[in-house]
N, C-alpha and C. Protein backbone atom coordinates (compact mmCIF):
# COMPACT_ATOMS: atom_id res chain seq x y z
N MET A 1 -13.63 4.27 -28.93
CA MET A 1 -12.18 4.41 -28.11
C MET A 1 -11.89 3.77 -28.06
N PRO A 2 -10.68 3.13 -27.00
CA PRO A 2 -10.12 2.09 -26.50
C PRO A 2 -11.11 1.95 -24.85
N TYR A 3 -10.69 1.00 -24.14
CA TYR A 3 -11.43 0.35 -23.14
C TYR A 3 -10.40 -0.10 -22.27
N ALA A 4 -10.99 0.28 -20.95
CA ALA A 4 -9.57 -0.33 -20.10
C ALA A 4 -10.31 -0.82 -18.56
N LEU A 5 -9.85 -1.63 -18.20
CA LEU A 5 -10.15 -2.09 -16.31
C LEU A 5 -9.16 -1.61 -15.65
N THR A 6 -9.93 -1.02 -14.93
CA THR A 6 -8.89 -0.09 -13.79
C THR A 6 -9.23 -0.76 -12.22
N LEU A 7 -8.43 -0.30 -11.60
CA LEU A 7 -8.82 0.02 -9.91
C LEU A 7 -8.57 1.41 -9.35
N PRO A 8 -9.92 2.43 -9.33
CA PRO A 8 -10.00 3.56 -8.54
C PRO A 8 -9.25 3.84 -7.33
N LEU A 9 -8.76 4.64 -6.97
CA LEU A 9 -8.35 4.89 -5.55
C LEU A 9 -9.42 5.38 -4.63
N ASP A 10 -9.21 4.86 -3.45
CA ASP A 10 -9.96 5.79 -2.28
C ASP A 10 -10.10 6.97 -2.09
N ARG A 11 -10.78 7.46 -1.57
CA ARG A 11 -10.97 9.04 -1.58
C ARG A 11 -10.17 9.52 -1.01
N TYR A 12 -9.33 9.37 0.12
CA TYR A 12 -8.08 9.90 0.63
C TYR A 12 -7.14 10.17 -0.32
N ALA A 13 -6.44 8.74 -1.17
CA ALA A 13 -5.61 8.98 -1.63
C ALA A 13 -6.26 9.94 -2.71
N VAL A 14 -7.12 9.99 -3.41
CA VAL A 14 -7.25 10.69 -4.54
C VAL A 14 -7.14 12.31 -4.46
N ILE A 15 -7.92 12.52 -2.67
CA ILE A 15 -7.35 13.96 -2.28
C ILE A 15 -5.58 14.21 -2.40
N HIS A 16 -5.02 13.34 -1.67
CA HIS A 16 -3.59 13.46 -1.53
C HIS A 16 -2.76 13.47 -2.97
N VAL A 17 -3.36 12.75 -4.15
CA VAL A 17 -2.65 12.83 -5.36
C VAL A 17 -3.28 13.98 -6.13
N GLN A 18 -4.59 14.86 -5.81
CA GLN A 18 -4.78 16.15 -6.06
C GLN A 18 -3.83 17.15 -5.66
N GLN A 19 -3.21 17.01 -4.50
CA GLN A 19 -2.73 17.90 -4.16
C GLN A 19 -1.22 18.41 -4.68
N VAL A 20 -0.66 16.74 -5.41
CA VAL A 20 0.40 16.84 -6.39
C VAL A 20 0.44 17.59 -7.49
N GLU A 21 -0.89 17.06 -8.40
CA GLU A 21 -1.79 17.44 -9.36
C GLU A 21 -1.43 19.12 -9.15
N GLN A 22 -2.46 19.65 -8.48
CA GLN A 22 -2.12 20.99 -7.99
C GLN A 22 -0.74 21.77 -7.70
N ALA A 23 0.15 21.26 -7.14
CA ALA A 23 1.32 21.89 -7.29
C ALA A 23 1.97 21.77 -8.68
N LEU A 24 1.81 20.80 -9.36
CA LEU A 24 2.38 20.65 -10.86
C LEU A 24 1.80 21.98 -11.78
N ALA A 25 0.22 22.06 -11.57
CA ALA A 25 -0.42 23.12 -12.29
C ALA A 25 0.05 24.34 -12.07
N GLY A 26 0.23 24.91 -10.25
CA GLY A 26 1.00 25.88 -10.17
C GLY A 26 0.01 26.94 -9.96
N SER A 27 0.69 28.11 -11.11
CA SER A 27 -0.25 29.44 -11.45
C SER A 27 -0.63 29.19 -13.27
N THR A 28 -0.47 27.80 -13.39
CA THR A 28 -1.50 27.74 -14.95
C THR A 28 -2.56 27.59 -15.18
N ARG A 29 -3.47 27.84 -15.91
CA ARG A 29 -4.87 27.97 -16.30
C ARG A 29 -5.27 26.60 -15.62
N ALA A 30 -6.28 26.94 -15.26
CA ALA A 30 -7.72 25.95 -14.04
C ALA A 30 -7.70 24.57 -15.19
N ASP A 31 -8.03 25.00 -16.44
CA ASP A 31 -8.50 24.25 -17.03
C ASP A 31 -7.73 23.26 -17.68
N HIS A 32 -6.31 23.29 -17.61
CA HIS A 32 -5.05 21.94 -17.39
C HIS A 32 -5.17 21.49 -16.29
N LEU A 33 -6.13 21.67 -15.07
CA LEU A 33 -6.05 20.26 -13.96
C LEU A 33 -7.12 19.62 -14.36
N LEU A 34 -7.12 18.20 -13.77
CA LEU A 34 -7.60 16.92 -14.46
C LEU A 34 -9.13 17.37 -13.97
N GLN A 35 -9.96 16.74 -15.36
CA GLN A 35 -11.24 17.01 -14.89
C GLN A 35 -12.23 16.23 -14.06
N PRO A 36 -13.27 16.40 -13.45
CA PRO A 36 -13.87 15.56 -12.25
C PRO A 36 -13.86 13.80 -12.98
N SER A 37 -14.35 13.54 -14.44
CA SER A 37 -14.48 12.63 -14.89
C SER A 37 -13.08 11.67 -15.22
N GLU A 38 -11.56 11.80 -14.70
CA GLU A 38 -10.44 11.79 -14.97
C GLU A 38 -9.71 11.13 -13.41
N ALA A 39 -10.61 10.87 -12.52
CA ALA A 39 -10.42 10.86 -11.08
C ALA A 39 -8.89 9.88 -10.93
N PRO A 40 -7.69 9.60 -10.59
CA PRO A 40 -6.57 9.09 -10.85
C PRO A 40 -7.07 7.79 -10.42
N CYS A 41 -6.32 6.33 -11.10
CA CYS A 41 -6.59 5.00 -10.91
C CYS A 41 -5.56 4.33 -11.24
N LEU A 42 -5.42 3.20 -10.83
CA LEU A 42 -4.71 2.34 -11.37
C LEU A 42 -4.99 1.35 -12.79
N THR A 43 -4.89 1.18 -14.24
CA THR A 43 -4.98 0.75 -15.10
C THR A 43 -4.47 -0.67 -15.13
N LEU A 44 -5.33 -1.56 -15.25
CA LEU A 44 -4.63 -2.90 -15.13
C LEU A 44 -4.31 -3.56 -16.88
N ALA A 45 -5.63 -3.12 -17.46
CA ALA A 45 -5.22 -3.44 -19.44
C ALA A 45 -6.20 -3.11 -19.91
N VAL A 46 -5.97 -2.67 -21.35
CA VAL A 46 -6.77 -1.80 -22.39
C VAL A 46 -6.68 -2.69 -23.40
N PHE A 47 -8.10 -2.32 -24.00
CA PHE A 47 -8.21 -2.76 -25.03
C PHE A 47 -8.58 -2.20 -26.45
N PRO A 48 -8.46 -2.67 -27.55
CA PRO A 48 -8.76 -1.69 -28.77
C PRO A 48 -10.52 -1.14 -28.53
N ASP A 49 -10.69 0.00 -29.56
CA ASP A 49 -12.27 -0.09 -29.26
C ASP A 49 -13.14 -0.80 -30.24
N CYS A 50 -12.21 -1.88 -31.10
CA CYS A 50 -13.24 -3.00 -31.29
C CYS A 50 -13.56 -3.93 -30.35
N ALA A 51 -12.88 -4.06 -28.88
CA ALA A 51 -13.23 -5.17 -28.09
C ALA A 51 -14.83 -5.39 -27.83
N PRO A 52 -14.86 -6.50 -27.47
CA PRO A 52 -16.33 -7.33 -27.14
C PRO A 52 -16.49 -6.91 -26.04
N ILE A 53 -16.68 -5.99 -25.36
CA ILE A 53 -16.58 -5.40 -23.94
C ILE A 53 -17.70 -6.15 -23.05
N CYS A 54 -18.91 -6.49 -23.70
CA CYS A 54 -19.85 -7.59 -22.96
C CYS A 54 -19.10 -8.80 -22.81
N ASP A 55 -18.44 -9.18 -23.26
CA ASP A 55 -17.86 -10.47 -23.42
C ASP A 55 -16.69 -10.38 -22.63
N ILE A 56 -15.91 -9.72 -22.53
CA ILE A 56 -14.74 -9.20 -21.75
C ILE A 56 -15.94 -9.12 -20.42
N TRP A 57 -16.44 -8.22 -19.98
CA TRP A 57 -17.07 -8.09 -18.51
C TRP A 57 -17.64 -9.62 -18.06
N ALA A 58 -17.97 -10.40 -19.07
CA ALA A 58 -18.43 -11.26 -18.56
C ALA A 58 -18.10 -12.69 -17.79
N ALA A 59 -16.36 -12.29 -18.61
CA ALA A 59 -14.69 -12.92 -18.19
C ALA A 59 -14.58 -13.26 -17.04
N VAL A 60 -14.58 -11.02 -17.14
CA VAL A 60 -14.40 -10.82 -15.67
C VAL A 60 -15.55 -11.27 -14.17
N LEU A 61 -16.39 -11.33 -14.42
CA LEU A 61 -17.11 -11.28 -13.74
C LEU A 61 -17.36 -13.03 -12.95
N ARG A 62 -17.34 -13.79 -14.14
CA ARG A 62 -17.42 -15.22 -13.83
C ARG A 62 -15.92 -15.83 -12.67
N GLU A 63 -14.94 -14.82 -12.26
CA GLU A 63 -13.94 -14.81 -11.89
C GLU A 63 -13.66 -13.84 -10.24
N ALA A 64 -14.66 -13.01 -10.87
CA ALA A 64 -14.52 -11.66 -9.65
C ALA A 64 -14.84 -11.98 -8.26
N GLU A 65 -15.66 -12.79 -8.25
CA GLU A 65 -16.22 -12.94 -6.88
C GLU A 65 -15.06 -13.58 -5.39
N THR A 66 -13.96 -14.40 -6.26
CA THR A 66 -12.94 -14.94 -5.35
C THR A 66 -11.90 -13.68 -5.30
N TRP A 67 -12.21 -12.40 -5.64
CA TRP A 67 -11.19 -11.36 -5.54
C TRP A 67 -11.34 -10.30 -4.93
N SER A 68 -9.82 -10.15 -3.71
CA SER A 68 -10.14 -9.26 -2.74
C SER A 68 -9.37 -8.21 -2.53
N ALA A 69 -10.07 -7.28 -1.92
CA ALA A 69 -9.67 -5.75 -1.94
C ALA A 69 -7.80 -5.33 -1.73
N ILE A 70 -7.28 -4.86 -2.06
CA ILE A 70 -6.07 -4.36 -1.76
C ILE A 70 -5.47 -3.02 -1.59
N ASP A 71 -4.59 -3.42 0.01
CA ASP A 71 -4.13 -2.36 0.81
C ASP A 71 -2.42 -2.18 -0.58
N LEU A 72 -2.19 -0.78 -0.70
CA LEU A 72 -0.93 -0.59 -1.67
C LEU A 72 -0.56 0.62 -1.02
N VAL A 73 0.80 0.84 -1.81
CA VAL A 73 2.02 2.31 -1.01
C VAL A 73 2.30 2.86 -2.20
N LEU A 74 1.68 3.87 -2.63
CA LEU A 74 2.46 4.64 -3.38
C LEU A 74 4.28 5.38 -2.88
N ASP A 75 5.47 4.59 -3.37
CA ASP A 75 6.28 5.86 -2.73
C ASP A 75 7.15 5.98 -3.31
N ALA A 76 7.18 6.33 -4.45
CA ALA A 76 7.78 7.24 -5.85
C ALA A 76 7.17 7.68 -6.42
N ILE A 77 8.07 9.01 -7.17
CA ILE A 77 7.39 9.63 -8.35
C ILE A 77 8.55 10.00 -9.21
N GLY A 78 7.74 9.95 -10.37
CA GLY A 78 9.13 10.62 -11.04
C GLY A 78 8.45 10.87 -12.82
N GLU A 79 9.28 11.16 -13.71
CA GLU A 79 8.57 11.90 -14.72
C GLU A 79 8.93 10.78 -15.85
N SER A 80 8.29 10.81 -16.77
CA SER A 80 8.67 10.19 -17.75
C SER A 80 9.63 11.18 -19.00
N SER A 81 10.38 9.95 -19.98
CA SER A 81 11.46 11.22 -20.47
C SER A 81 10.82 11.10 -22.54
N GLY A 82 9.34 10.78 -22.26
CA GLY A 82 8.57 10.76 -23.74
C GLY A 82 8.14 12.29 -23.81
N ARG A 83 7.40 12.26 -24.54
CA ARG A 83 6.53 13.16 -25.04
C ARG A 83 4.86 12.60 -25.01
N PRO A 84 3.83 12.91 -24.59
CA PRO A 84 4.25 14.17 -23.87
C PRO A 84 4.55 14.14 -22.36
N ARG A 85 4.94 14.93 -21.91
CA ARG A 85 5.43 14.60 -20.61
C ARG A 85 4.61 14.70 -19.59
N THR A 86 4.37 13.45 -19.01
CA THR A 86 3.86 12.92 -17.52
C THR A 86 4.62 12.89 -16.36
N VAL A 87 4.07 12.80 -15.33
CA VAL A 87 4.47 12.32 -13.97
C VAL A 87 3.66 11.20 -13.47
N TRP A 88 4.43 10.23 -12.75
CA TRP A 88 3.64 9.12 -12.33
C TRP A 88 4.43 9.13 -10.70
N LEU A 89 3.20 7.70 -10.28
CA LEU A 89 3.39 8.32 -8.61
C LEU A 89 3.49 5.78 -8.97
N ALA A 90 4.50 5.77 -8.59
CA ALA A 90 4.90 3.94 -8.38
C ALA A 90 4.61 3.04 -7.44
N SER A 91 3.85 2.43 -6.85
CA SER A 91 4.17 1.35 -6.00
C SER A 91 5.53 0.67 -5.40
N VAL A 92 5.39 0.61 -4.58
CA VAL A 92 6.19 -1.04 -3.70
C VAL A 92 5.26 -2.34 -4.17
N LYS A 93 6.82 -3.32 -4.26
CA LYS A 93 6.33 -4.30 -4.79
C LYS A 93 5.19 -4.81 -4.16
N SER A 94 4.30 -5.40 -4.51
CA SER A 94 3.39 -6.47 -3.70
C SER A 94 2.57 -7.62 -4.12
N GLU A 95 3.27 -8.48 -3.66
CA GLU A 95 2.39 -9.88 -4.52
C GLU A 95 0.69 -9.52 -4.34
N ALA A 96 0.31 -9.13 -3.75
CA ALA A 96 -1.34 -9.32 -3.69
C ALA A 96 -1.57 -8.84 -5.39
N LEU A 97 -1.32 -7.35 -5.28
CA LEU A 97 -1.68 -6.86 -6.56
C LEU A 97 -1.21 -7.64 -8.11
N ASP A 98 0.24 -8.08 -7.68
CA ASP A 98 0.95 -8.92 -8.89
C ASP A 98 -0.09 -10.10 -9.16
N GLY A 99 -0.27 -10.62 -8.07
CA GLY A 99 -1.09 -11.72 -8.45
C GLY A 99 -3.11 -11.45 -8.85
N PHE A 100 -3.17 -10.70 -8.43
CA PHE A 100 -4.43 -9.87 -8.65
C PHE A 100 -4.44 -9.53 -10.37
N HIS A 101 -3.24 -8.84 -10.61
CA HIS A 101 -3.07 -8.99 -12.14
C HIS A 101 -3.14 -9.80 -12.87
N SER A 102 -2.27 -11.00 -12.52
CA SER A 102 -2.07 -12.22 -13.21
C SER A 102 -3.22 -12.84 -13.52
N LEU A 103 -3.96 -13.05 -12.11
CA LEU A 103 -5.29 -13.78 -12.18
C LEU A 103 -6.48 -13.00 -13.48
N LEU A 104 -6.67 -11.79 -13.20
CA LEU A 104 -7.16 -11.11 -14.10
C LEU A 104 -7.07 -11.15 -15.43
N ILE A 105 -5.66 -11.07 -16.06
CA ILE A 105 -5.15 -11.45 -17.32
C ILE A 105 -5.50 -12.83 -17.67
N ALA A 106 -5.39 -13.63 -16.67
CA ALA A 106 -5.61 -15.37 -17.38
C ALA A 106 -6.97 -15.46 -17.41
N ALA A 107 -7.87 -14.02 -16.89
CA ALA A 107 -9.18 -14.85 -17.28
C ALA A 107 -9.77 -13.57 -18.32
N LEU A 108 -8.60 -13.34 -19.11
CA LEU A 108 -8.93 -12.45 -20.36
C LEU A 108 -8.14 -12.98 -21.36
N ARG A 109 -8.05 -14.16 -20.94
CA ARG A 109 -7.37 -15.21 -22.07
C ARG A 109 -8.17 -14.99 -23.68
N GLY A 110 -7.80 -14.90 -24.92
CA GLY A 110 -8.87 -14.85 -25.69
C GLY A 110 -9.15 -13.69 -26.03
N PHE A 111 -8.95 -12.51 -25.38
CA PHE A 111 -8.97 -11.16 -25.91
C PHE A 111 -7.88 -10.56 -26.15
N ILE A 112 -7.96 -9.66 -26.96
CA ILE A 112 -6.79 -8.80 -27.36
C ILE A 112 -6.59 -7.73 -26.13
N VAL A 113 -5.18 -7.76 -25.38
CA VAL A 113 -4.97 -6.74 -24.22
C VAL A 113 -3.88 -6.39 -24.74
N HIS A 114 -3.90 -4.95 -24.70
CA HIS A 114 -2.38 -4.10 -25.05
C HIS A 114 -1.04 -4.63 -24.65
N PRO A 115 -0.09 -4.69 -25.45
CA PRO A 115 0.63 -5.96 -24.72
C PRO A 115 1.54 -4.96 -23.60
N TYR A 116 1.63 -4.14 -23.45
CA TYR A 116 2.40 -3.05 -22.38
C TYR A 116 1.50 -3.52 -21.02
N TYR A 117 0.51 -4.10 -20.67
CA TYR A 117 -0.21 -4.78 -19.56
C TYR A 117 -0.38 -5.97 -19.58
N LEU A 118 0.45 -6.62 -20.30
CA LEU A 118 1.06 -8.09 -19.91
C LEU A 118 1.69 -8.01 -18.54
N PRO A 119 1.51 -9.32 -18.16
CA PRO A 119 2.58 -9.20 -16.64
C PRO A 119 3.56 -9.00 -16.49
N ASP A 120 4.67 -9.72 -17.69
CA ASP A 120 5.96 -9.65 -17.58
C ASP A 120 6.36 -8.26 -18.04
N ARG A 121 5.69 -7.33 -18.34
CA ARG A 121 5.65 -5.89 -18.81
C ARG A 121 4.83 -4.97 -18.07
N TRP A 122 4.26 -5.33 -17.09
CA TRP A 122 2.74 -4.31 -16.56
C TRP A 122 3.77 -3.86 -15.60
N MET A 123 3.83 -2.25 -15.55
CA MET A 123 4.58 -1.51 -14.24
C MET A 123 3.06 -0.82 -13.74
N PRO A 124 2.93 -1.21 -12.38
CA PRO A 124 1.95 -0.14 -11.69
C PRO A 124 1.95 0.65 -11.40
N GLN A 125 1.50 1.86 -11.42
CA GLN A 125 1.89 3.40 -11.65
C GLN A 125 0.12 4.16 -12.07
N ILE A 126 0.36 5.20 -11.32
CA ILE A 126 -0.85 6.36 -11.33
C ILE A 126 -0.19 7.48 -12.32
N THR A 127 -0.40 7.81 -13.58
CA THR A 127 -0.13 8.77 -14.30
C THR A 127 -1.10 10.00 -13.96
N LEU A 128 -0.04 10.76 -13.84
CA LEU A 128 -0.87 12.52 -13.88
C LEU A 128 -0.69 13.18 -14.94
N PHE A 129 -1.51 13.91 -15.59
CA PHE A 129 -1.82 14.42 -16.14
C PHE A 129 -1.63 13.89 -17.48
N PRO A 130 -2.04 12.31 -18.11
CA PRO A 130 -1.71 11.63 -19.28
C PRO A 130 -1.82 12.44 -20.19
N LYS A 131 -2.64 13.40 -20.71
CA LYS A 131 -2.51 14.18 -21.85
C LYS A 131 -1.64 15.17 -22.24
N GLY A 132 -0.61 15.15 -20.93
CA GLY A 132 0.59 16.17 -20.97
C GLY A 132 0.79 17.15 -20.16
N LEU A 133 1.81 17.29 -18.96
CA LEU A 133 1.77 18.72 -18.12
C LEU A 133 1.27 19.83 -18.82
N PRO A 134 0.85 20.68 -18.10
CA PRO A 134 0.65 21.84 -18.24
C PRO A 134 1.97 22.36 -18.43
N SER A 135 1.88 23.66 -19.65
CA SER A 135 3.51 24.44 -19.94
C SER A 135 3.89 25.06 -18.33
N GLY A 136 5.15 24.95 -18.06
CA GLY A 136 5.97 25.49 -17.19
C GLY A 136 5.84 24.44 -15.96
N ALA A 137 5.25 23.42 -15.40
CA ALA A 137 5.04 22.53 -14.64
C ALA A 137 6.81 21.77 -13.93
N ARG A 138 6.72 22.05 -13.39
CA ARG A 138 8.19 21.19 -12.91
C ARG A 138 7.84 20.27 -11.48
N LEU A 139 8.86 19.14 -11.47
CA LEU A 139 8.90 17.94 -11.10
C LEU A 139 9.11 18.60 -9.39
N GLU A 140 9.64 19.64 -9.41
CA GLU A 140 10.16 19.89 -7.96
C GLU A 140 9.21 20.71 -7.29
N ASP A 141 7.86 20.60 -7.70
CA ASP A 141 6.45 21.50 -7.25
C ASP A 141 6.18 20.41 -6.84
N ALA A 142 5.85 18.88 -7.68
CA ALA A 142 5.43 18.19 -7.51
C ALA A 142 6.41 17.27 -5.98
N LEU A 143 7.36 17.20 -5.85
CA LEU A 143 8.08 16.28 -4.47
C LEU A 143 7.57 17.02 -3.88
N ALA A 144 7.56 18.98 -3.13
CA ALA A 144 6.90 19.57 -2.44
C ALA A 144 5.94 19.19 -1.82
N ALA A 145 5.12 18.68 -2.85
CA ALA A 145 4.20 18.23 -2.35
C ALA A 145 3.91 17.28 -1.96
N TRP A 146 4.54 16.20 -2.21
CA TRP A 146 4.18 14.79 -1.97
C TRP A 146 4.20 14.09 -0.99
N GLY A 147 5.08 14.33 -0.07
CA GLY A 147 5.21 14.41 1.25
C GLY A 147 5.56 12.83 1.64
N GLY A 148 5.94 11.97 0.89
CA GLY A 148 6.04 10.56 1.66
C GLY A 148 4.68 9.89 0.75
N GLU A 149 5.07 8.39 1.47
CA GLU A 149 4.23 7.40 0.99
C GLU A 149 3.04 8.39 1.21
N ILE A 150 1.84 7.74 0.03
CA ILE A 150 0.44 7.66 -0.20
C ILE A 150 0.12 6.11 -0.28
N HIS A 151 -0.85 5.61 1.18
CA HIS A 151 -1.36 4.57 1.27
C HIS A 151 -2.80 4.72 0.58
N ILE A 152 -3.26 3.66 -0.52
CA ILE A 152 -4.74 3.40 -0.92
C ILE A 152 -5.04 2.14 -0.82
N ARG A 153 -6.18 2.35 -1.06
CA ARG A 153 -7.05 0.86 -0.63
C ARG A 153 -7.94 0.48 -1.77
N LEU A 154 -7.65 -0.51 -2.43
CA LEU A 154 -8.77 -0.60 -4.06
C LEU A 154 -9.83 -1.34 -3.87
N GLU A 155 -10.92 -1.20 -4.08
CA GLU A 155 -11.74 -2.14 -3.48
C GLU A 155 -12.75 -1.86 -4.58
N GLN A 156 -12.75 -1.90 -5.46
CA GLN A 156 -13.69 -2.08 -6.88
C GLN A 156 -12.70 -1.73 -8.32
N LEU A 157 -13.15 -2.63 -8.95
CA LEU A 157 -12.84 -3.24 -10.49
C LEU A 157 -13.83 -2.30 -11.32
N GLU A 158 -13.51 -1.80 -12.36
CA GLU A 158 -14.14 -0.80 -13.30
C GLU A 158 -14.15 -1.38 -15.10
N LEU A 159 -14.79 -1.37 -15.30
CA LEU A 159 -14.80 -1.62 -16.83
C LEU A 159 -15.00 0.13 -17.48
N VAL A 160 -14.15 0.68 -18.21
CA VAL A 160 -14.06 2.29 -18.35
C VAL A 160 -13.90 2.25 -20.26
N ARG A 161 -14.59 3.28 -20.56
CA ARG A 161 -14.17 3.97 -22.06
C ARG A 161 -13.70 4.87 -21.46
N LEU A 162 -12.26 5.30 -22.04
CA LEU A 162 -11.17 6.25 -22.33
C LEU A 162 -11.64 7.18 -23.53
N GLN A 163 -11.22 8.51 -23.35
CA GLN A 163 -10.92 9.46 -24.12
C GLN A 163 -12.24 9.97 -24.58
N PRO A 164 -13.25 9.98 -24.26
CA PRO A 164 -13.18 10.84 -22.44
C PRO A 164 -13.84 9.60 -21.54
N LEU A 165 -13.36 9.90 -20.46
CA LEU A 165 -13.16 8.66 -19.88
C LEU A 165 -14.81 8.64 -18.94
N GLU A 166 -15.30 7.19 -19.31
CA GLU A 166 -16.98 6.77 -18.71
C GLU A 166 -16.65 5.63 -18.15
N ILE A 167 -17.22 5.27 -17.32
CA ILE A 167 -17.55 4.50 -16.43
C ILE A 167 -18.44 3.08 -16.86
N LEU A 168 -18.66 2.40 -17.36
CA LEU A 168 -19.24 1.09 -18.18
C LEU A 168 -19.97 0.59 -17.12
N GLN A 169 -18.80 0.12 -15.80
CA GLN A 169 -19.40 -1.43 -15.23
C GLN A 169 -18.53 -1.29 -14.00
N VAL A 170 -18.74 -1.82 -12.92
CA VAL A 170 -18.18 -1.46 -11.63
C VAL A 170 -18.53 -3.11 -10.70
N GLN A 171 -17.57 -3.49 -10.18
CA GLN A 171 -17.61 -4.51 -9.78
C GLN A 171 -16.78 -4.69 -8.10
N ALA A 172 -17.75 -4.55 -7.07
CA ALA A 172 -16.63 -4.44 -5.80
C ALA A 172 -16.05 -5.94 -5.55
N LEU A 173 -15.18 -5.56 -4.86
CA LEU A 173 -14.00 -6.80 -4.43
C LEU A 173 -14.33 -6.87 -3.12
N ARG A 174 -13.99 -8.10 -2.65
CA ARG A 174 -14.30 -8.93 -1.41
C ARG A 174 -13.41 -8.03 -0.74
N SER A 175 -14.54 -7.46 0.68
CA SER A 175 -13.41 -6.52 1.60
C SER A 175 -12.91 -7.22 2.65
N SER A 176 -12.10 -6.85 3.29
CA SER A 176 -10.96 -7.40 4.52
C SER A 176 -10.90 -5.98 5.25
N VAL A 177 -10.59 -6.48 6.73
CA VAL A 177 -10.62 -5.34 7.61
C VAL A 177 -9.46 -4.13 7.20
N SER A 178 -9.97 -2.80 7.15
CA SER A 178 -8.96 -1.66 6.75
C SER A 178 -9.54 -0.90 7.77
N THR A 179 -8.65 0.15 7.82
CA THR A 179 -8.90 1.68 8.26
C THR A 179 -9.32 2.43 7.74
N HIS A 180 -9.16 1.95 6.38
CA HIS A 180 -9.99 3.17 5.21
C HIS A 180 -11.64 2.74 5.09
N SER A 181 -11.89 3.97 4.66
CA SER A 181 -13.13 3.97 4.09
C SER A 181 -13.62 4.03 2.85
N PRO A 182 -14.86 3.47 2.64
CA PRO A 182 -14.96 3.16 1.39
C PRO A 182 -15.19 4.24 0.20
N ILE A 183 -14.81 3.54 -0.86
CA ILE A 183 -14.27 4.52 -2.09
C ILE A 183 -15.47 5.74 -2.20
N GLU A 184 -15.45 6.81 -1.67
CA GLU A 184 -16.24 7.88 -2.17
C GLU A 184 -15.69 9.31 -2.52
N ILE A 185 -15.59 9.39 -3.73
CA ILE A 185 -15.07 10.48 -4.37
C ILE A 185 -15.37 11.56 -4.22
N PRO A 186 -15.77 12.67 -3.30
CA PRO A 186 -16.48 13.80 -3.28
C PRO A 186 -15.98 14.88 -4.13
N GLY A 187 -17.17 15.87 -4.81
CA GLY A 187 -16.28 17.12 -5.50
C GLY A 187 -15.36 16.66 -6.85
N PRO A 188 -14.42 17.29 -6.52
CA PRO A 188 -13.04 16.81 -7.89
C PRO A 188 -12.93 15.69 -7.83
N GLY A 189 -12.91 14.56 -8.73
CA GLY A 189 -12.63 13.00 -8.21
C GLY A 189 -13.82 12.49 -8.81
N TYR A 190 -15.25 13.38 -8.19
CA TYR A 190 -16.55 12.06 -8.35
C TYR A 190 -16.78 11.64 -9.77
N ARG A 191 -17.12 10.32 -9.94
CA ARG A 191 -17.54 10.01 -11.10
C ARG A 191 -18.75 9.17 -10.90
N MET A 192 -19.53 9.36 -12.16
CA MET A 192 -20.79 8.55 -11.84
C MET A 192 -20.59 7.47 -13.17
N VAL A 193 -21.41 6.43 -13.04
CA VAL A 193 -21.44 5.57 -13.79
C VAL A 193 -22.32 5.92 -14.73
N SER A 194 -22.57 5.17 -15.93
CA SER A 194 -23.28 5.44 -17.44
C SER A 194 -24.39 4.24 -16.94
N ASP A 195 -25.30 4.47 -16.41
CA ASP A 195 -26.65 3.62 -16.47
C ASP A 195 -26.90 2.79 -17.49
N ALA A 196 -27.11 4.12 -18.72
CA ALA A 196 -27.13 3.05 -20.64
C ALA A 196 -25.97 2.07 -20.72
N ALA A 197 -24.89 2.45 -20.10
CA ALA A 197 -23.48 1.35 -20.68
C ALA A 197 -24.07 0.07 -19.53
N VAL A 198 -24.31 0.34 -18.25
CA VAL A 198 -24.63 -0.63 -16.93
C VAL A 198 -25.51 -1.70 -17.94
N ASP A 199 -26.79 -0.85 -18.73
CA ASP A 199 -27.69 -1.62 -18.88
C ASP A 199 -27.58 -2.95 -20.55
N SER A 200 -26.38 -2.28 -21.06
CA SER A 200 -26.05 -2.73 -22.29
C SER A 200 -25.86 -3.87 -21.93
N CYS A 201 -24.47 -4.70 -21.35
CA CYS A 201 -24.50 -6.23 -20.88
C CYS A 201 -25.48 -6.67 -19.92
């Protein structure tokens, strides 16, 4: 399965995003909801399943000590025009996030990164129901639960395996003063790190 580098949302943002997801799910079956291992996150780069993930993580760690946590605002919601149908939450323009992403991609020079995630094409957004919306889901229901801007705090970088999602490595970002609490995602949205995967590198 492919691999990715992601920034998980803080717990308050996760709760807000899950409210939008639940509104989309409506009265449909509960198994359409995101599973706890698939908490919302911002994807920075995706690699093929043959990628040398230990080398990739080593390249990240050589630079990561200088990278700081990021405050971000999600201010737009929309629906994809393709198939499967998905809903996305997009962020306001952020020089801090754009700079972080550019530094990350520069650190990954020499590795194969999906072209969608290169700096000139990447669009920072949170995708809801990436495998497709539940049958009967309406964007109007998501808008009703949206309630406006979602302020998020991005405090750690994760290397994950996709489909199904499994966290392989975690790197905390340097903190600055913030009113947000550290990332703790209780109940739905809680994700465990695989000890075996961490030890493998």
